[in-house]
């Protein structure tokens, strides 16, 4: 883990993170995060996602990160569905269904 974060801080020296929401569920903590900064090549860095940590005796014993880089394109949900499925959703206002 140390080498992973060393690389992140080297590549994004102004890295900062914010917890948007979190929930404790017994020995499990779920957190929604925003990560941001600027890469050393000048490109913006912005990710959002969820982490799930298992806690035992007050220490993190396991962790999973589900983070995605934000898309810079301004497409809508129809474009996202088409990119994922290969099919564009039908417009509900389309009268020629």
PDB file of N, CA and C in Angstrom:
ATOM      1  N   UNK A   1       0.829  -1.180   0.000  1.00  0.00           N
ATOM      2  CA  UNK A   1       0.000   0.000   0.000  1.00  0.00           C
ATOM      3  C   UNK A   1       0.878   1.250   0.000  1.00  0.00           C
ATOM      4  N   UNK A   2       1.960   1.226   0.753  1.00  0.00           N
ATOM      5  CA  UNK A   2       2.843   2.390   0.825  1.00  0.00           C
ATOM      6  C   UNK A   2       3.375   2.772  -0.548  1.00  0.00           C
ATOM      7  N   UNK A   3       3.814   1.776  -1.330  1.00  0.00           N
ATOM      8  CA  UNK A   3       4.367   2.080  -2.657  1.00  0.00           C
ATOM      9  C   UNK A   3       3.293   2.606  -3.603  1.00  0.00           C
ATOM     10  N   UNK A   4       2.050   2.117  -3.450  1.00  0.00           N
ATOM     11  CA  UNK A   4       0.950   2.620  -4.291  1.00  0.00           C
ATOM     12  C   UNK A   4       0.723   4.106  -4.043  1.00  0.00           C
ATOM     13  N   UNK A   5       0.627   4.509  -2.764  1.00  0.00           N
ATOM     14  CA  UNK A   5       0.366   5.922  -2.447  1.00  0.00           C
ATOM     15  C   UNK A   5       1.581   6.795  -2.718  1.00  0.00           C
ATOM     16  N   UNK A   6       2.785   6.243  -2.599  1.00  0.00           N
ATOM     17  CA  UNK A   6       3.985   7.002  -2.970  1.00  0.00           C
ATOM     18  C   UNK A   6       3.912   7.368  -4.448  1.00  0.00           C
ATOM     19  N   UNK A   7       3.515   6.411  -5.280  1.00  0.00           N
ATOM     20  CA  UNK A   7       3.377   6.676  -6.716  1.00  0.00           C
ATOM     21  C   UNK A   7       2.262   7.687  -6.991  1.00  0.00           C
ATOM     22  N   UNK A   8       1.132   7.568  -6.288  1.00  0.00           N
ATOM     23  CA  UNK A   8       0.025   8.526  -6.487  1.00  0.00           C
ATOM     24  C   UNK A   8       0.471   9.945  -6.145  1.00  0.00           C
ATOM     25  N   UNK A   9       1.139  10.120  -4.998  1.00  0.00           N
ATOM     26  CA  UNK A   9       1.562  11.460  -4.590  1.00  0.00           C
ATOM     27  C   UNK A   9       2.665  12.004  -5.492  1.00  0.00           C
ATOM     28  N   UNK A  10       3.489  11.129  -6.055  1.00  0.00           N
ATOM     29  CA  UNK A  10       4.508  11.565  -7.004  1.00  0.00           C
ATOM     30  C   UNK A  10       3.875  12.032  -8.306  1.00  0.00           C
ATOM     31  N   UNK A  11       2.833  11.331  -8.752  1.00  0.00           N
ATOM     32  CA  UNK A  11       2.171  11.672 -10.014  1.00  0.00           C
ATOM     33  C   UNK A  11       1.151  12.783  -9.892  1.00  0.00           C
ATOM     34  N   UNK A  12       0.601  12.975  -8.694  1.00  0.00           N
ATOM     35  CA  UNK A  12      -0.412  14.009  -8.429  1.00  0.00           C
ATOM     36  C   UNK A  12       0.007  14.703  -7.118  1.00  0.00           C
ATOM     37  N   UNK A  13       1.010  15.596  -7.189  1.00  0.00           N
ATOM     38  CA  UNK A  13       1.564  16.161  -5.957  1.00  0.00           C
ATOM     39  C   UNK A  13       0.592  16.997  -5.131  1.00  0.00           C
ATOM     40  N   UNK A  14      -0.444  17.535  -5.768  1.00  0.00           N
ATOM     41  CA  UNK A  14      -1.441  18.312  -5.008  1.00  0.00           C
ATOM     42  C   UNK A  14      -2.709  17.492  -4.738  1.00  0.00           C
ATOM     43  N   UNK A  15      -2.557  16.171  -4.723  1.00  0.00           N
ATOM     44  CA  UNK A  15      -3.684  15.261  -4.481  1.00  0.00           C
ATOM     45  C   UNK A  15      -4.430  15.663  -3.217  1.00  0.00           C
ATOM     46  N   UNK A  16      -5.748  15.713  -3.329  1.00  0.00           N
ATOM     47  CA  UNK A  16      -6.574  15.886  -2.135  1.00  0.00           C
ATOM     48  C   UNK A  16      -7.830  15.039  -2.288  1.00  0.00           C
ATOM     49  N   UNK A  17      -8.369  14.637  -1.145  1.00  0.00           N
ATOM     50  CA  UNK A  17      -9.515  13.734  -1.113  1.00  0.00           C
ATOM     51  C   UNK A  17     -10.560  14.281  -0.161  1.00  0.00           C
ATOM     52  N   UNK A  18     -11.819  14.035  -0.504  1.00  0.00           N
ATOM     53  CA  UNK A  18     -12.929  14.437   0.360  1.00  0.00           C
ATOM     54  C   UNK A  18     -13.916  13.289   0.458  1.00  0.00           C
ATOM     55  N   UNK A  19     -14.345  13.000   1.676  1.00  0.00           N
ATOM     56  CA  UNK A  19     -15.394  12.005   1.895  1.00  0.00           C
ATOM     57  C   UNK A  19     -16.733  12.712   1.721  1.00  0.00           C
ATOM     58  N   UNK A  20     -17.551  12.216   0.791  1.00  0.00           N
ATOM     59  CA  UNK A  20     -18.867  12.794   0.516  1.00  0.00           C
ATOM     60  C   UNK A  20     -19.902  12.235   1.498  1.00  0.00           C
ATOM     61  N   UNK A  21     -19.874  10.919   1.677  1.00  0.00           N
ATOM     62  CA  UNK A  21     -20.781  10.224   2.598  1.00  0.00           C
ATOM     63  C   UNK A  21     -20.048   9.007   3.145  1.00  0.00           C
ATOM     64  N   UNK A  22     -20.441   8.580   4.337  1.00  0.00           N
ATOM     65  CA  UNK A  22     -19.919   7.314   4.842  1.00  0.00           C
ATOM     66  C   UNK A  22     -20.957   6.680   5.757  1.00  0.00           C
ATOM     67  N   UNK A  23     -20.899   5.356   5.824  1.00  0.00           N
ATOM     68  CA  UNK A  23     -21.828   4.589   6.641  1.00  0.00           C
ATOM     69  C   UNK A  23     -21.042   3.492   7.343  1.00  0.00           C
ATOM     70  N   UNK A  24     -21.230   3.384   8.647  1.00  0.00           N
ATOM     71  CA  UNK A  24     -20.663   2.269   9.403  1.00  0.00           C
ATOM     72  C   UNK A  24     -21.738   1.210   9.545  1.00  0.00           C
ATOM     73  N   UNK A  25     -21.384  -0.011   9.173  1.00  0.00           N
ATOM     74  CA  UNK A  25     -22.309  -1.132   9.241  1.00  0.00           C
ATOM     75  C   UNK A  25     -21.621  -2.259  10.002  1.00  0.00           C
ATOM     76  N   UNK A  26     -21.641  -2.162  11.315  1.00  0.00           N
ATOM     77  CA  UNK A  26     -20.935  -3.154  12.112  1.00  0.00           C
ATOM     78  C   UNK A  26     -19.440  -2.980  11.957  1.00  0.00           C
ATOM     79  N   UNK A  27     -18.776  -3.994  11.429  1.00  0.00           N
ATOM     80  CA  UNK A  27     -17.333  -3.935  11.215  1.00  0.00           C
ATOM     81  C   UNK A  27     -16.965  -3.501   9.801  1.00  0.00           C
ATOM     82  N   UNK A  28     -17.914  -2.945   9.082  1.00  0.00           N
ATOM     83  CA  UNK A  28     -17.673  -2.505   7.713  1.00  0.00           C
ATOM     84  C   UNK A  28     -18.019  -1.025   7.591  1.00  0.00           C
ATOM     85  N   UNK A  29     -17.121  -0.273   6.948  1.00  0.00           N
ATOM     86  CA  UNK A  29     -17.366   1.147   6.683  1.00  0.00           C
ATOM     87  C   UNK A  29     -17.359   1.370   5.181  1.00  0.00           C
ATOM     88  N   UNK A  30     -18.440   1.966   4.672  1.00  0.00           N
ATOM     89  CA  UNK A  30     -18.574   2.329   3.263  1.00  0.00           C
ATOM     90  C   UNK A  30     -18.394   3.838   3.172  1.00  0.00           C
ATOM     91  N   UNK A  31     -17.589   4.295   2.219  1.00  0.00           N
ATOM     92  CA  UNK A  31     -17.377   5.729   2.047  1.00  0.00           C
ATOM     93  C   UNK A  31     -17.419   6.093   0.568  1.00  0.00           C
ATOM     94  N   UNK A  32     -18.077   7.220   0.268  1.00  0.00           N
ATOM     95  CA  UNK A  32     -18.055   7.785  -1.082  1.00  0.00           C
ATOM     96  C   UNK A  32     -17.020   8.896  -1.086  1.00  0.00           C
ATOM     97  N   UNK A  33     -16.156   8.898  -2.105  1.00  0.00           N
ATOM     98  CA  UNK A  33     -15.021   9.819  -2.155  1.00  0.00           C
ATOM     99  C   UNK A  33     -14.992  10.650  -3.430  1.00  0.00           C
ATOM    100  N   UNK A  34     -14.428  11.837  -3.332  1.00  0.00           N
ATOM    101  CA  UNK A  34     -13.975  12.644  -4.471  1.00  0.00           C
ATOM    102  C   UNK A  34     -12.473  12.824  -4.303  1.00  0.00           C
ATOM    103  N   UNK A  35     -11.712  12.467  -5.329  1.00  0.00           N
ATOM    104  CA  UNK A  35     -10.264  12.680  -5.342  1.00  0.00           C
ATOM    105  C   UNK A  35      -9.974  13.689  -6.444  1.00  0.00           C
ATOM    106  N   UNK A  36      -9.061  14.615  -6.203  1.00  0.00           N
ATOM    107  CA  UNK A  36      -8.754  15.621  -7.221  1.00  0.00           C
ATOM    108  C   UNK A  36      -7.319  16.101  -7.074  1.00  0.00           C
ATOM    109  N   UNK A  37      -6.845  16.731  -8.129  1.00  0.00           N
ATOM    110  CA  UNK A  37      -5.511  17.314  -8.144  1.00  0.00           C
ATOM    111  C   UNK A  37      -5.079  17.557  -9.576  1.00  0.00           C
ATOM    112  N   UNK A  38      -3.794  17.763  -9.752  1.00  0.00           N
ATOM    113  CA  UNK A  38      -3.222  17.990 -11.072  1.00  0.00           C
ATOM    114  C   UNK A  38      -2.031  17.066 -11.239  1.00  0.00           C
ATOM    115  N   UNK A  39      -2.020  16.313 -12.346  1.00  0.00           N
ATOM    116  CA  UNK A  39      -0.898  15.416 -12.623  1.00  0.00           C
ATOM    117  C   UNK A  39       0.359  16.230 -12.932  1.00  0.00           C
ATOM    118  N   UNK A  40       1.496  15.607 -12.803  1.00  0.00           N
ATOM    119  CA  UNK A  40       2.751  16.307 -13.071  1.00  0.00           C
ATOM    120  C   UNK A  40       2.880  16.735 -14.532  1.00  0.00           C
ATOM    121  N   UNK A  41       2.091  16.136 -15.431  1.00  0.00           N
ATOM    122  CA  UNK A  41       2.105  16.569 -16.837  1.00  0.00           C
ATOM    123  C   UNK A  41       1.134  17.729 -17.074  1.00  0.00           C
ATOM    124  N   UNK A  42       0.502  18.241 -15.999  1.00  0.00           N
ATOM    125  CA  UNK A  42      -0.407  19.375 -16.109  1.00  0.00           C
ATOM    126  C   UNK A  42      -1.857  19.006 -16.339  1.00  0.00           C
ATOM    127  N   UNK A  43      -2.144  17.725 -16.559  1.00  0.00           N
ATOM    128  CA  UNK A  43      -3.510  17.287 -16.810  1.00  0.00           C
ATOM    129  C   UNK A  43      -4.292  17.207 -15.499  1.00  0.00           C
ATOM    130  N   UNK A  44      -5.588  17.554 -15.543  1.00  0.00           N
ATOM    131  CA  UNK A  44      -6.392  17.452 -14.329  1.00  0.00           C
ATOM    132  C   UNK A  44      -6.604  15.994 -13.932  1.00  0.00           C
ATOM    133  N   UNK A  45      -6.692  15.777 -12.646  1.00  0.00           N
ATOM    134  CA  UNK A  45      -6.951  14.460 -12.088  1.00  0.00           C
ATOM    135  C   UNK A  45      -8.209  14.580 -11.233  1.00  0.00           C
ATOM    136  N   UNK A  46      -9.238  13.775 -11.566  1.00  0.00           N
ATOM    137  CA  UNK A  46     -10.449  13.785 -10.762  1.00  0.00           C
ATOM    138  C   UNK A  46     -11.101  12.419 -10.846  1.00  0.00           C
ATOM    139  N   UNK A  47     -11.324  11.834  -9.670  1.00  0.00           N
ATOM    140  CA  UNK A  47     -11.943  10.525  -9.586  1.00  0.00           C
ATOM    141  C   UNK A  47     -13.032  10.567  -8.525  1.00  0.00           C
ATOM    142  N   UNK A  48     -14.011   9.689  -8.712  1.00  0.00           N
ATOM    143  CA  UNK A  48     -15.068   9.513  -7.717  1.00  0.00           C
ATOM    144  C   UNK A  48     -15.324   8.029  -7.566  1.00  0.00           C
ATOM    145  N   UNK A  49     -15.773   7.657  -6.380  1.00  0.00           N
ATOM    146  CA  UNK A  49     -16.072   6.251  -6.178  1.00  0.00           C
ATOM    147  C   UNK A  49     -16.330   5.921  -4.733  1.00  0.00           C
ATOM    148  N   UNK A  50     -16.245   4.629  -4.451  1.00  0.00           N
ATOM    149  CA  UNK A  50     -16.606   4.093  -3.147  1.00  0.00           C
ATOM    150  C   UNK A  50     -15.460   3.222  -2.640  1.00  0.00           C
ATOM    151  N   UNK A  51     -15.217   3.305  -1.334  1.00  0.00           N
ATOM    152  CA  UNK A  51     -14.311   2.378  -0.677  1.00  0.00           C
ATOM    153  C   UNK A  51     -15.094   1.601   0.365  1.00  0.00           C
ATOM    154  N   UNK A  52     -14.686   0.363   0.571  1.00  0.00           N
ATOM    155  CA  UNK A  52     -15.299  -0.480   1.596  1.00  0.00           C
ATOM    156  C   UNK A  52     -14.163  -1.021   2.459  1.00  0.00           C
ATOM    157  N   UNK A  53     -14.204  -0.688   3.746  1.00  0.00           N
ATOM    158  CA  UNK A  53     -13.169  -1.128   4.669  1.00  0.00           C
ATOM    159  C   UNK A  53     -13.751  -2.038   5.732  1.00  0.00           C
ATOM    160  N   UNK A  54     -13.044  -3.123   6.013  1.00  0.00           N
ATOM    161  CA  UNK A  54     -13.377  -4.008   7.117  1.00  0.00           C
ATOM    162  C   UNK A  54     -12.544  -3.558   8.310  1.00  0.00           C
ATOM    163  N   UNK A  55     -13.179  -3.410   9.463  1.00  0.00           N
ATOM    164  CA  UNK A  55     -12.528  -2.909  10.662  1.00  0.00           C
ATOM    165  C   UNK A  55     -12.566  -3.982  11.754  1.00  0.00           C
ATOM    166  N   UNK A  56     -11.411  -4.260  12.344  1.00  0.00           N
ATOM    167  CA  UNK A  56     -11.318  -5.196  13.465  1.00  0.00           C
ATOM    168  C   UNK A  56     -10.492  -4.535  14.561  1.00  0.00           C
ATOM    169  N   UNK A  57     -11.059  -4.434  15.741  1.00  0.00           N
ATOM    170  CA  UNK A  57     -10.377  -3.813  16.881  1.00  0.00           C
ATOM    171  C   UNK A  57      -9.858  -2.420  16.535  1.00  0.00           C
ATOM    172  N   UNK A  58     -10.641  -1.668  15.767  1.00  0.00           N
ATOM    173  CA  UNK A  58     -10.291  -0.295  15.422  1.00  0.00           C
ATOM    174  C   UNK A  58      -9.266  -0.140  14.321  1.00  0.00           C
ATOM    175  N   UNK A  59      -8.853  -1.237  13.686  1.00  0.00           N
ATOM    176  CA  UNK A  59      -7.862  -1.190  12.612  1.00  0.00           C
ATOM    177  C   UNK A  59      -8.466  -1.690  11.307  1.00  0.00           C
ATOM    178  N   UNK A  60      -8.065  -1.098  10.192  1.00  0.00           N
ATOM    179  CA  UNK A  60      -8.500  -1.567   8.877  1.00  0.00           C
ATOM    180  C   UNK A  60      -7.782  -2.883   8.587  1.00  0.00           C
ATOM    181  N   UNK A  61      -8.557  -3.933   8.367  1.00  0.00           N
ATOM    182  CA  UNK A  61      -7.981  -5.248   8.082  1.00  0.00           C
ATOM    183  C   UNK A  61      -8.156  -5.662   6.630  1.00  0.00           C
ATOM    184  N   UNK A  62      -9.035  -4.971   5.910  1.00  0.00           N
ATOM    185  CA  UNK A  62      -9.258  -5.263   4.495  1.00  0.00           C
ATOM    186  C   UNK A  62      -9.869  -4.028   3.857  1.00  0.00           C
ATOM    187  N   UNK A  63      -9.555  -3.790   2.607  1.00  0.00           N
ATOM    188  CA  UNK A  63     -10.126  -2.646   1.912  1.00  0.00           C
ATOM    189  C   UNK A  63     -10.287  -2.903   0.437  1.00  0.00           C
ATOM    190  N   UNK A  64     -11.371  -2.365  -0.119  1.00  0.00           N
ATOM    191  CA  UNK A  64     -11.634  -2.455  -1.551  1.00  0.00           C
ATOM    192  C   UNK A  64     -11.962  -1.058  -2.054  1.00  0.00           C
ATOM    193  N   UNK A  65     -11.378  -0.687  -3.174  1.00  0.00           N
ATOM    194  CA  UNK A  65     -11.620   0.620  -3.772  1.00  0.00           C
ATOM    195  C   UNK A  65     -12.302   0.432  -5.120  1.00  0.00           C
ATOM    196  N   UNK A  66     -13.366   1.190  -5.339  1.00  0.00           N
ATOM    197  CA  UNK A  66     -14.093   1.188  -6.608  1.00  0.00           C
ATOM    198  C   UNK A  66     -14.118   2.638  -7.082  1.00  0.00           C
ATOM    199  N   UNK A  67     -13.035   3.067  -7.719  1.00  0.00           N
ATOM    200  CA  UNK A  67     -12.882   4.455  -8.131  1.00  0.00           C
ATOM    201  C   UNK A  67     -12.844   4.522  -9.657  1.00  0.00           C
ATOM    202  N   UNK A  68     -13.429   5.594 -10.197  1.00  0.00           N
ATOM    203  CA  UNK A  68     -13.393   5.814 -11.641  1.00  0.00           C
ATOM    204  C   UNK A  68     -13.015   7.255 -11.918  1.00  0.00           C
ATOM    205  N   UNK A  69     -12.215   7.423 -12.959  1.00  0.00           N
ATOM    206  CA  UNK A  69     -11.866   8.772 -13.390  1.00  0.00           C
ATOM    207  C   UNK A  69     -13.090   9.405 -14.039  1.00  0.00           C
ATOM    208  N   UNK A  70     -13.319  10.672 -13.733  1.00  0.00           N
ATOM    209  CA  UNK A  70     -14.462  11.368 -14.327  1.00  0.00           C
ATOM    210  C   UNK A  70     -14.229  11.563 -15.810  1.00  0.00           C
ATOM    211  N   UNK A  71     -15.269  11.375 -16.570  1.00  0.00           N
ATOM    212  CA  UNK A  71     -15.195  11.589 -18.009  1.00  0.00           C
ATOM    213  C   UNK A  71     -15.196  13.085 -18.294  1.00  0.00           C
ATOM    214  N   UNK A  72     -14.402  13.493 -19.238  1.00  0.00           N
ATOM    215  CA  UNK A  72     -14.319  14.906 -19.607  1.00  0.00           C
ATOM    216  C   UNK A  72     -15.311  15.266 -20.712  1.00  0.00           C
ATOM    217  N   UNK A  73     -15.896  14.245 -21.337  1.00  0.00           N
ATOM    218  CA  UNK A  73     -16.871  14.492 -22.395  1.00  0.00           C
ATOM    219  C   UNK A  73     -18.196  14.897 -21.758  1.00  0.00           C
ATOM    220  N   UNK A  74     -18.983  15.638 -22.504  1.00  0.00           N
ATOM    221  CA  UNK A  74     -20.268  16.100 -21.984  1.00  0.00           C
ATOM    222  C   UNK A  74     -21.435  15.333 -22.592  1.00  0.00           C
ATOM    223  N   UNK A  75     -21.262  14.025 -22.787  1.00  0.00           N
ATOM    224  CA  UNK A  75     -22.331  13.205 -23.319  1.00  0.00           C
ATOM    225  C   UNK A  75     -23.376  12.939 -22.252  1.00  0.00           C
ATOM    226  N   UNK A  76     -24.535  12.552 -22.685  1.00  0.00           N
ATOM    227  CA  UNK A  76     -25.622  12.257 -21.759  1.00  0.00           C
ATOM    228  C   UNK A  76     -25.698  10.779 -21.449  1.00  0.00           C
ATOM    229  N   UNK A  77     -26.751  10.405 -20.745  1.00  0.00           N
ATOM    230  CA  UNK A  77     -26.934   9.019 -20.345  1.00  0.00           C
ATOM    231  C   UNK A  77     -27.127   8.107 -21.557  1.00  0.00           C
ATOM    232  N   UNK A  78     -27.767   8.605 -22.616  1.00  0.00           N
ATOM    233  CA  UNK A  78     -27.975   7.782 -23.813  1.00  0.00           C
ATOM    234  C   UNK A  78     -26.630   7.390 -24.431  1.00  0.00           C
ATOM    235  N   UNK A  79     -25.683   8.327 -24.465  1.00  0.00           N
ATOM    236  CA  UNK A  79     -24.357   8.023 -25.001  1.00  0.00           C
ATOM    237  C   UNK A  79     -23.634   7.019 -24.111  1.00  0.00           C
ATOM    238  N   UNK A  80     -23.784   7.149 -22.793  1.00  0.00           N
ATOM    239  CA  UNK A  80     -23.143   6.215 -21.868  1.00  0.00           C
ATOM    240  C   UNK A  80     -23.711   4.809 -22.038  1.00  0.00           C
ATOM    241  N   UNK A  81     -25.041   4.686 -22.161  1.00  0.00           N
ATOM    242  CA  UNK A  81     -25.669   3.374 -22.357  1.00  0.00           C
ATOM    243  C   UNK A  81     -25.201   2.771 -23.672  1.00  0.00           C
ATOM    244  N   UNK A  82     -25.111   3.573 -24.714  1.00  0.00           N
ATOM    245  CA  UNK A  82     -24.660   3.071 -26.005  1.00  0.00           C
ATOM    246  C   UNK A  82     -23.204   2.601 -25.927  1.00  0.00           C
ATOM    247  N   UNK A  83     -22.358   3.344 -25.231  1.00  0.00           N
ATOM    248  CA  UNK A  83     -20.956   2.944 -25.102  1.00  0.00           C
ATOM    249  C   UNK A  83     -20.828   1.629 -24.334  1.00  0.00           C
ATOM    250  N   UNK A  84     -21.675   1.422 -23.337  1.00  0.00           N
ATOM    251  CA  UNK A  84     -21.618   0.196 -22.544  1.00  0.00           C
ATOM    252  C   UNK A  84     -22.226  -1.005 -23.254  1.00  0.00           C
ATOM    253  N   UNK A  85     -23.369  -0.793 -23.923  1.00  0.00           N
ATOM    254  CA  UNK A  85     -24.126  -1.920 -24.470  1.00  0.00           C
ATOM    255  C   UNK A  85     -23.981  -2.107 -25.976  1.00  0.00           C
ATOM    256  N   UNK A  86     -23.545  -1.052 -26.657  1.00  0.00           N
ATOM    257  CA  UNK A  86     -23.495  -1.114 -28.113  1.00  0.00           C
ATOM    258  C   UNK A  86     -24.823  -0.767 -28.766  1.00  0.00           C
ATOM    259  N   UNK A  87     -25.828  -0.440 -27.967  1.00  0.00           N
ATOM    260  CA  UNK A  87     -27.148  -0.073 -28.478  1.00  0.00           C
ATOM    261  C   UNK A  87     -27.588   1.240 -27.847  1.00  0.00           C
ATOM    262  N   UNK A  88     -28.113   2.101 -28.682  1.00  0.00           N
ATOM    263  CA  UNK A  88     -28.610   3.378 -28.178  1.00  0.00           C
ATOM    264  C   UNK A  88     -30.041   3.173 -27.683  1.00  0.00           C
ATOM    265  N   UNK A  89     -30.348   3.665 -26.473  1.00  0.00           N
ATOM    266  CA  UNK A  89     -31.718   3.523 -25.979  1.00  0.00           C
ATOM    267  C   UNK A  89     -32.689   4.317 -26.842  1.00  0.00           C
ATOM    268  N   UNK A  90     -33.873   3.795 -26.980  1.00  0.00           N
ATOM    269  CA  UNK A  90     -34.898   4.464 -27.775  1.00  0.00           C
ATOM    270  C   UNK A  90     -35.415   5.672 -27.014  1.00  0.00           C
ATOM    271  N   UNK A  91     -35.578   6.755 -27.723  1.00  0.00           N
ATOM    272  CA  UNK A  91     -36.131   7.978 -27.124  1.00  0.00           C
ATOM    273  C   UNK A  91     -37.616   7.736 -26.827  1.00  0.00           C
ATOM    274  N   UNK A  92     -38.047   7.907 -25.548  1.00  0.00           N
ATOM    275  CA  UNK A  92     -39.451   7.640 -25.214  1.00  0.00           C
ATOM    276  C   UNK A  92     -40.423   8.575 -25.913  1.00  0.00           C
ATOM    277  N   UNK A  93     -39.926   9.693 -26.454  1.00  0.00           N
ATOM    278  CA  UNK A  93     -40.810  10.606 -27.179  1.00  0.00           C
ATOM    279  C   UNK A  93     -40.907  10.258 -28.645  1.00  0.00           C
ATOM    280  N   UNK A  94     -40.123   9.235 -29.078  1.00  0.00           N
ATOM    281  CA  UNK A  94     -40.140   8.805 -30.470  1.00  0.00           C
ATOM    282  C   UNK A  94     -41.464   8.115 -30.758  1.00  0.00           C
ATOM    283  N   UNK A  95     -42.223   8.633 -31.690  1.00  0.00           N
ATOM    284  CA  UNK A  95     -43.552   8.100 -32.006  1.00  0.00           C
ATOM    285  C   UNK A  95     -43.492   6.883 -32.936  1.00  0.00           C
ATOM    286  N   UNK A  96     -42.332   6.606 -33.520  1.00  0.00           N
ATOM    287  CA  UNK A  96     -42.212   5.500 -34.460  1.00  0.00           C
ATOM    288  C   UNK A  96     -41.628   4.256 -33.815  1.00  0.00           C
ATOM    289  N   UNK A  97     -42.042   3.936 -32.616  1.00  0.00           N
ATOM    290  CA  UNK A  97     -41.506   2.785 -31.916  1.00  0.00           C
ATOM    291  C   UNK A  97     -41.990   1.562 -32.589  1.00  0.00           C
TER     292      UNK A  97
END
